[in-house]
N, C-alpha and C. Protein backbone atom coordinates (compact mmCIF):
# COMPACT_ATOMS: atom_id res chain seq x y z
N VAL A 1 102.10 160.58 106.90
CA VAL A 1 102.50 159.99 108.16
C VAL A 1 101.42 159.01 108.62
N HIS A 2 100.14 159.38 108.42
CA HIS A 2 99.03 158.52 108.83
C HIS A 2 99.06 157.20 108.08
N GLY A 3 99.39 157.21 106.78
CA GLY A 3 99.47 156.00 105.97
C GLY A 3 100.50 155.03 106.52
N ASN A 4 101.61 155.56 107.03
CA ASN A 4 102.65 154.69 107.58
C ASN A 4 102.16 153.97 108.82
N LYS A 5 101.34 154.61 109.66
CA LYS A 5 100.79 153.98 110.85
C LYS A 5 99.88 152.82 110.45
N MET A 6 99.01 153.04 109.42
CA MET A 6 98.11 151.99 108.95
C MET A 6 98.91 150.83 108.39
N GLN A 7 99.93 151.16 107.64
CA GLN A 7 100.72 150.13 106.99
C GLN A 7 101.43 149.28 108.05
N GLY A 8 101.87 149.88 109.06
CA GLY A 8 102.57 149.15 110.12
C GLY A 8 101.64 148.24 110.90
N LYS A 9 100.39 148.61 111.06
CA LYS A 9 99.45 147.82 111.84
C LYS A 9 98.84 146.68 111.03
N MET A 10 98.79 146.75 109.73
CA MET A 10 98.11 145.77 108.88
C MET A 10 99.09 144.70 108.44
N SER A 11 98.78 143.46 108.76
CA SER A 11 99.62 142.34 108.32
C SER A 11 99.03 141.80 107.02
N ALA A 12 99.75 140.88 106.38
CA ALA A 12 99.28 140.28 105.13
C ALA A 12 97.99 139.51 105.38
N GLU A 13 97.93 138.77 106.50
CA GLU A 13 96.72 138.02 106.83
C GLU A 13 95.55 138.96 107.10
N GLY A 14 95.81 140.04 107.79
CA GLY A 14 94.76 141.01 108.09
C GLY A 14 94.23 141.65 106.81
N LEU A 15 95.12 141.91 105.87
CA LEU A 15 94.71 142.49 104.59
C LEU A 15 93.84 141.51 103.82
N GLU A 16 94.21 140.23 103.81
CA GLU A 16 93.41 139.22 103.12
C GLU A 16 92.03 139.11 103.76
N ASP A 17 91.98 139.17 105.09
CA ASP A 17 90.69 139.10 105.78
C ASP A 17 89.81 140.29 105.39
N GLU A 18 90.40 141.46 105.35
CA GLU A 18 89.64 142.66 104.98
C GLU A 18 89.16 142.58 103.53
N MET A 19 89.99 142.06 102.64
CA MET A 19 89.60 141.90 101.24
C MET A 19 88.46 140.89 101.11
N ASP A 20 88.51 139.79 101.87
CA ASP A 20 87.43 138.80 101.87
C ASP A 20 86.13 139.43 102.34
N LYS A 21 86.20 140.24 103.38
CA LYS A 21 85.00 140.92 103.89
C LYS A 21 84.44 141.87 102.83
N LEU A 22 85.34 142.58 102.15
CA LEU A 22 84.91 143.51 101.10
C LEU A 22 84.25 142.76 99.95
N ARG A 23 84.81 141.60 99.54
CA ARG A 23 84.20 140.78 98.49
C ARG A 23 82.81 140.30 98.90
N ASP A 24 82.68 139.88 100.17
CA ASP A 24 81.37 139.44 100.67
C ASP A 24 80.35 140.56 100.59
N VAL A 25 80.76 141.76 100.99
CA VAL A 25 79.85 142.91 100.95
C VAL A 25 79.46 143.21 99.51
N MET A 26 80.40 143.12 98.58
CA MET A 26 80.11 143.40 97.18
C MET A 26 79.19 142.33 96.59
N GLU A 27 79.40 141.06 96.96
CA GLU A 27 78.51 139.99 96.50
C GLU A 27 77.09 140.19 97.02
N ASN A 28 76.98 140.58 98.28
CA ASN A 28 75.66 140.86 98.86
C ASN A 28 74.98 142.01 98.12
N ALA A 29 75.75 143.05 97.81
CA ALA A 29 75.18 144.19 97.09
C ALA A 29 74.69 143.76 95.70
N THR A 30 75.45 142.89 95.02
CA THR A 30 75.04 142.38 93.70
C THR A 30 73.77 141.54 93.82
N ASP A 31 73.71 140.67 94.84
CA ASP A 31 72.52 139.84 95.05
C ASP A 31 71.29 140.71 95.31
N ILE A 32 71.46 141.74 96.11
CA ILE A 32 70.34 142.65 96.41
C ILE A 32 69.89 143.37 95.15
N SER A 33 70.85 143.84 94.36
CA SER A 33 70.53 144.54 93.11
C SER A 33 69.77 143.62 92.16
N ASN A 34 70.23 142.38 92.03
CA ASN A 34 69.55 141.42 91.15
C ASN A 34 68.14 141.12 91.66
N ALA A 35 67.99 140.98 92.95
CA ALA A 35 66.67 140.70 93.52
C ALA A 35 65.71 141.87 93.27
N LEU A 36 66.21 143.08 93.39
CA LEU A 36 65.35 144.25 93.17
C LEU A 36 64.97 144.42 91.70
N SER A 37 65.78 143.91 90.80
CA SER A 37 65.49 144.07 89.37
C SER A 37 64.46 143.05 88.89
N GLN A 38 64.15 142.02 89.68
CA GLN A 38 63.16 141.02 89.30
C GLN A 38 61.75 141.56 89.54
N PRO A 39 60.79 141.16 88.68
CA PRO A 39 59.41 141.61 88.87
C PRO A 39 58.80 141.00 90.13
N LEU A 40 57.90 141.75 90.74
CA LEU A 40 57.21 141.26 91.93
C LEU A 40 56.21 140.20 91.55
N GLY A 41 55.90 139.30 92.45
CA GLY A 41 54.90 138.28 92.19
C GLY A 41 55.51 137.00 91.66
N GLY A 42 56.78 136.99 91.35
CA GLY A 42 57.43 135.77 90.92
C GLY A 42 57.16 135.38 89.47
N ASP A 43 56.36 136.15 88.74
CA ASP A 43 56.08 135.83 87.34
C ASP A 43 57.21 136.36 86.47
N LEU A 44 58.07 135.46 86.07
CA LEU A 44 59.17 135.88 85.20
C LEU A 44 58.67 135.88 83.76
N ILE A 45 59.01 136.91 83.04
CA ILE A 45 58.56 137.06 81.66
C ILE A 45 59.61 136.45 80.74
N ASP A 46 59.15 135.59 79.85
CA ASP A 46 60.04 134.95 78.89
C ASP A 46 60.17 135.85 77.67
N GLU A 47 61.38 136.31 77.42
CA GLU A 47 61.64 137.24 76.31
C GLU A 47 61.26 136.62 74.95
N ASP A 48 61.55 135.33 74.78
CA ASP A 48 61.23 134.67 73.51
C ASP A 48 59.73 134.65 73.26
N ASP A 49 58.96 134.40 74.32
CA ASP A 49 57.49 134.40 74.18
C ASP A 49 57.00 135.79 73.79
N LEU A 50 57.58 136.81 74.42
CA LEU A 50 57.18 138.18 74.08
C LEU A 50 57.51 138.52 72.63
N GLU A 51 58.70 138.12 72.19
CA GLU A 51 59.10 138.39 70.80
C GLU A 51 58.17 137.67 69.82
N ALA A 52 57.82 136.42 70.13
CA ALA A 52 56.92 135.66 69.25
C ALA A 52 55.54 136.30 69.21
N GLU A 53 55.06 136.75 70.36
CA GLU A 53 53.75 137.40 70.40
C GLU A 53 53.76 138.70 69.61
N LEU A 54 54.84 139.48 69.75
CA LEU A 54 54.97 140.73 69.00
C LEU A 54 55.01 140.46 67.50
N ALA A 55 55.76 139.45 67.08
CA ALA A 55 55.83 139.12 65.66
C ALA A 55 54.46 138.71 65.13
N GLY A 56 53.70 137.95 65.93
CA GLY A 56 52.36 137.56 65.52
C GLY A 56 51.43 138.75 65.37
N LEU A 57 51.52 139.69 66.31
CA LEU A 57 50.69 140.90 66.22
C LEU A 57 51.06 141.73 65.00
N GLU A 58 52.35 141.84 64.72
CA GLU A 58 52.78 142.60 63.55
C GLU A 58 52.28 141.94 62.26
N ASP A 59 52.33 140.60 62.21
CA ASP A 59 51.82 139.87 61.04
C ASP A 59 50.32 140.12 60.87
N ASP A 60 49.58 140.07 61.98
CA ASP A 60 48.13 140.32 61.92
C ASP A 60 47.84 141.72 61.39
N MET A 61 48.60 142.71 61.88
CA MET A 61 48.38 144.08 61.43
C MET A 61 48.69 144.22 59.94
N LEU A 62 49.77 143.58 59.49
CA LEU A 62 50.14 143.65 58.08
C LEU A 62 49.06 143.00 57.22
N ASN A 63 48.56 141.84 57.66
CA ASN A 63 47.50 141.16 56.90
C ASN A 63 46.25 142.02 56.81
N GLU A 64 45.90 142.70 57.89
CA GLU A 64 44.73 143.58 57.87
C GLU A 64 44.93 144.72 56.87
N GLU A 65 46.14 145.29 56.85
CA GLU A 65 46.43 146.38 55.91
C GLU A 65 46.36 145.88 54.47
N LEU A 66 46.88 144.67 54.23
CA LEU A 66 46.85 144.12 52.87
C LEU A 66 45.43 143.85 52.42
N LEU A 67 44.58 143.43 53.34
CA LEU A 67 43.18 143.16 52.98
C LEU A 67 42.44 144.44 52.64
N LYS A 68 42.86 145.55 53.25
CA LYS A 68 42.21 146.84 52.99
C LYS A 68 42.64 147.41 51.64
N THR A 69 43.78 146.99 51.14
CA THR A 69 44.35 147.53 49.91
C THR A 69 43.62 146.95 48.70
N ASP A 70 43.28 147.82 47.75
CA ASP A 70 42.63 147.38 46.51
C ASP A 70 43.72 146.86 45.58
N VAL A 71 43.72 145.56 45.36
CA VAL A 71 44.76 144.96 44.54
C VAL A 71 44.29 144.63 43.13
N SER A 72 43.06 144.99 42.79
CA SER A 72 42.59 144.69 41.44
C SER A 72 43.25 145.64 40.45
N PRO A 73 43.73 145.11 39.33
CA PRO A 73 44.43 145.96 38.36
C PRO A 73 43.45 146.90 37.67
N ALA A 74 43.95 148.05 37.29
CA ALA A 74 43.13 149.01 36.56
C ALA A 74 43.03 148.54 35.11
N LEU A 75 41.85 148.25 34.67
CA LEU A 75 41.63 147.77 33.31
C LEU A 75 41.02 148.89 32.47
N PRO A 76 41.29 148.88 31.15
CA PRO A 76 40.69 149.90 30.30
C PRO A 76 39.18 149.68 30.20
N ALA A 77 38.48 150.75 29.88
CA ALA A 77 37.02 150.67 29.74
C ALA A 77 36.67 149.80 28.54
N VAL A 78 35.59 149.09 28.65
CA VAL A 78 35.11 148.24 27.56
C VAL A 78 34.42 149.12 26.52
N PRO A 79 34.77 148.97 25.25
CA PRO A 79 34.11 149.79 24.22
C PRO A 79 32.62 149.47 24.15
N LYS A 80 31.83 150.50 23.89
CA LYS A 80 30.38 150.33 23.86
C LYS A 80 29.86 149.99 22.47
N GLY A 81 30.56 150.39 21.47
CA GLY A 81 30.12 150.14 20.10
C GLY A 81 30.84 148.96 19.49
N PRO A 82 30.56 148.66 18.26
CA PRO A 82 31.23 147.55 17.58
C PRO A 82 32.71 147.88 17.36
N ILE A 83 33.52 146.85 17.42
CA ILE A 83 34.96 147.01 17.25
C ILE A 83 35.30 146.71 15.80
N GLU A 84 36.00 147.66 15.19
CA GLU A 84 36.37 147.48 13.79
C GLU A 84 37.81 147.00 13.73
N ALA A 85 38.02 145.88 13.06
CA ALA A 85 39.37 145.34 12.91
C ALA A 85 40.01 145.95 11.68
N LYS A 86 41.29 146.13 11.75
CA LYS A 86 42.04 146.63 10.61
C LYS A 86 42.14 145.50 9.60
N PRO A 87 41.86 145.75 8.38
CA PRO A 87 41.94 144.68 7.38
C PRO A 87 43.34 144.10 7.30
N ALA A 88 43.43 142.81 7.14
CA ALA A 88 44.72 142.12 7.09
C ALA A 88 45.56 142.60 5.92
N ALA A 89 44.95 142.93 4.81
CA ALA A 89 45.69 143.37 3.62
C ALA A 89 46.41 144.67 3.91
N VAL A 90 45.76 145.57 4.64
CA VAL A 90 46.39 146.85 4.96
C VAL A 90 47.59 146.62 5.86
N GLU A 91 47.45 145.70 6.82
CA GLU A 91 48.55 145.38 7.71
C GLU A 91 49.72 144.82 6.92
N ALA A 92 49.46 143.93 6.01
CA ALA A 92 50.51 143.34 5.19
C ALA A 92 51.19 144.40 4.34
N ASP A 93 50.39 145.35 3.79
CA ASP A 93 50.96 146.43 3.00
C ASP A 93 51.89 147.28 3.85
N ASP A 94 51.48 147.58 5.09
CA ASP A 94 52.32 148.38 5.99
C ASP A 94 53.64 147.66 6.28
N GLU A 95 53.56 146.36 6.50
CA GLU A 95 54.77 145.59 6.78
C GLU A 95 55.68 145.56 5.56
N GLU A 96 55.09 145.41 4.37
CA GLU A 96 55.90 145.39 3.15
C GLU A 96 56.57 146.74 2.93
N GLU A 97 55.85 147.81 3.20
CA GLU A 97 56.42 149.16 3.04
C GLU A 97 57.57 149.35 4.02
N THR A 98 57.41 148.92 5.24
CA THR A 98 58.47 149.03 6.25
C THR A 98 59.68 148.23 5.84
N LEU A 99 59.44 147.03 5.31
CA LEU A 99 60.53 146.19 4.84
C LEU A 99 61.29 146.84 3.69
N ARG A 100 60.58 147.44 2.75
CA ARG A 100 61.21 148.12 1.61
C ARG A 100 62.09 149.27 2.09
N ARG A 101 61.58 150.01 3.07
CA ARG A 101 62.37 151.15 3.58
C ARG A 101 63.65 150.66 4.27
N LEU A 102 63.53 149.60 5.06
CA LEU A 102 64.72 149.05 5.74
C LEU A 102 65.75 148.54 4.74
N GLU A 103 65.28 147.86 3.70
CA GLU A 103 66.21 147.34 2.68
C GLU A 103 66.89 148.48 1.96
N ALA A 104 66.14 149.54 1.69
CA ALA A 104 66.73 150.70 1.02
C ALA A 104 67.81 151.33 1.88
N GLU A 105 67.58 151.40 3.21
CA GLU A 105 68.58 151.97 4.11
C GLU A 105 69.83 151.12 4.16
N LEU A 106 69.64 149.80 4.16
CA LEU A 106 70.79 148.92 4.22
C LEU A 106 71.60 148.96 2.94
N ASN A 107 70.93 149.09 1.80
CA ASN A 107 71.61 149.10 0.50
C ASN A 107 72.24 150.46 0.21
N ALA A 108 71.84 151.46 0.88
CA ALA A 108 72.34 152.81 0.59
C ALA A 108 73.74 153.04 1.07
């Protein structure tokens, strides 16, 4: 019953006026919220500058870690005594023997 009384008293123009007032109040609330979310002192922080600074710091840290890492390859110990080479004739004999065995396998 109460809704019918309100409906009877509210005209189309009155409803538009009330909606305009409500929009104004909501815009003011948004403006206030945006103002409160800004940092004090007026110094706005540029996100791109922060990202670039962070990337630079990460690169510096990575470079420091790489400099700490021992990158020299592990080499075998140098022999202390004279180095004896295998005679070439023995090597040739080994190769000939291997060749003979392979030929025998292929012919078999």
